[in-house]
Amino acid sequence: MYKYIFGWLATLCTLSYKFPQIYFFYKNKTSKGISILSLCIQTFAYILYGIHGIIINDYPVLTMGSISFFFNIILCIQYYYYYKNDVIME
């Protein structure tokens, strides 16, 4: 159990920094200043983290990769939804 403590702490930190971005999109209803390329690269990286976690049987890495992937999908959806609003408002 102790060998996973740093992995679980890192997972919690990684997951917590996505919430402010999701909230920012929701509150401001805009996608300005956000790089969709960065979000896409992160999303692909989280897929790789998930696969890596499965291969090495590391549950913190698998959890972080899976949940972060889900959060990035939400962010990508929000980006495109609010991007349409940004174009209309210009």
Protein backbone atom coordinates (compact mmCIF):
# COMPACT_ATOMS: atom_id res chain seq x y z
CA MET A 1 0.00 0.00 0.00
CA TYR A 2 2.77 2.47 0.89
CA LYS A 3 4.41 2.06 -2.46
CA TYR A 4 1.36 3.66 -4.10
CA ILE A 5 0.97 6.68 -1.77
CA PHE A 6 2.92 9.09 -3.99
CA GLY A 7 1.12 7.82 -7.07
CA TRP A 8 -2.29 8.46 -5.50
CA LEU A 9 -1.21 11.91 -4.28
CA ALA A 10 0.04 12.78 -7.77
CA THR A 11 -3.23 11.51 -9.21
CA LEU A 12 -5.25 13.77 -6.90
CA CYS A 13 -3.11 16.78 -7.82
CA THR A 14 -3.39 16.04 -11.53
CA LEU A 15 -7.15 15.67 -11.37
CA SER A 16 -7.65 18.79 -9.27
CA TYR A 17 -6.06 21.17 -11.76
CA LYS A 18 -8.67 20.33 -14.42
CA PHE A 19 -11.61 21.58 -12.36
CA PRO A 20 -10.73 25.30 -12.57
CA GLN A 21 -10.53 25.09 -16.38
CA ILE A 22 -13.89 23.33 -16.64
CA TYR A 23 -15.38 25.94 -14.32
CA PHE A 24 -13.77 28.79 -16.33
CA PHE A 25 -15.41 27.57 -19.53
CA TYR A 26 -18.77 27.20 -17.83
CA LYS A 27 -18.71 30.54 -16.03
CA ASN A 28 -17.32 32.72 -18.83
CA LYS A 29 -18.99 30.92 -21.77
CA THR A 30 -15.95 31.56 -23.95
CA SER A 31 -13.10 29.55 -25.42
CA LYS A 32 -10.80 32.52 -26.01
CA GLY A 33 -7.24 32.06 -24.85
CA ILE A 34 -7.41 28.25 -24.80
CA SER A 35 -5.36 26.10 -27.16
CA ILE A 36 -7.40 23.25 -28.63
CA LEU A 37 -4.16 21.71 -29.91
CA SER A 38 -2.89 21.54 -26.33
CA LEU A 39 -6.13 19.91 -25.19
CA CYS A 40 -5.92 17.33 -27.99
CA ILE A 41 -2.30 16.48 -27.18
CA GLN A 42 -3.15 16.14 -23.49
CA THR A 43 -6.12 13.90 -24.33
CA PHE A 44 -3.91 11.60 -26.41
CA ALA A 45 -1.28 11.56 -23.64
CA TYR A 46 -3.92 10.48 -21.11
CA ILE A 47 -4.88 7.57 -23.37
CA LEU A 48 -1.22 6.52 -23.33
CA TYR A 49 -1.08 6.91 -19.52
CA GLY A 50 -4.11 4.64 -19.22
CA ILE A 51 -2.55 2.00 -21.45
CA HIS A 52 0.73 2.29 -19.53
CA GLY A 53 -1.11 1.88 -16.23
CA ILE A 54 -2.76 -1.30 -17.51
CA ILE A 55 0.50 -2.76 -18.82
CA ILE A 56 2.47 -2.16 -15.60
CA ASN A 57 -0.54 -2.82 -13.37
CA ASP A 58 -0.29 0.61 -11.71
CA TYR A 59 -3.72 1.70 -10.50
CA PRO A 60 -2.84 5.33 -9.68
CA VAL A 61 -1.51 5.87 -13.23
CA LEU A 62 -4.51 4.06 -14.74
CA THR A 63 -6.94 6.11 -12.64
CA MET A 64 -5.21 9.40 -13.43
CA GLY A 65 -5.09 8.62 -17.15
CA SER A 66 -8.71 7.49 -17.33
CA ILE A 67 -10.27 10.32 -15.34
CA SER A 68 -8.06 12.98 -16.92
CA PHE A 69 -9.04 11.65 -20.34
CA PHE A 70 -12.70 12.05 -19.37
CA PHE A 71 -12.09 15.60 -18.09
CA ASN A 72 -10.27 16.54 -21.30
CA ILE A 73 -13.16 15.23 -23.38
CA ILE A 74 -15.43 17.55 -21.35
CA LEU A 75 -13.02 20.43 -21.98
CA CYS A 76 -12.91 19.72 -25.73
CA ILE A 77 -16.70 19.62 -25.91
CA GLN A 78 -16.91 22.88 -23.97
CA TYR A 79 -14.27 24.44 -26.22
CA TYR A 80 -16.22 23.68 -29.39
CA TYR A 81 -19.55 24.62 -27.83
CA TYR A 82 -18.30 28.01 -26.64
CA TYR A 83 -16.18 28.54 -29.76
CA LYS A 84 -19.42 28.72 -31.76
CA ASN A 85 -20.64 31.41 -29.37
CA ASP A 86 -17.36 33.32 -29.73
CA VAL A 87 -17.66 33.34 -33.54
CA ILE A 88 -21.28 34.53 -33.40
CA MET A 89 -20.43 37.34 -30.95
CA GLU A 90 -17.60 38.73 -33.12
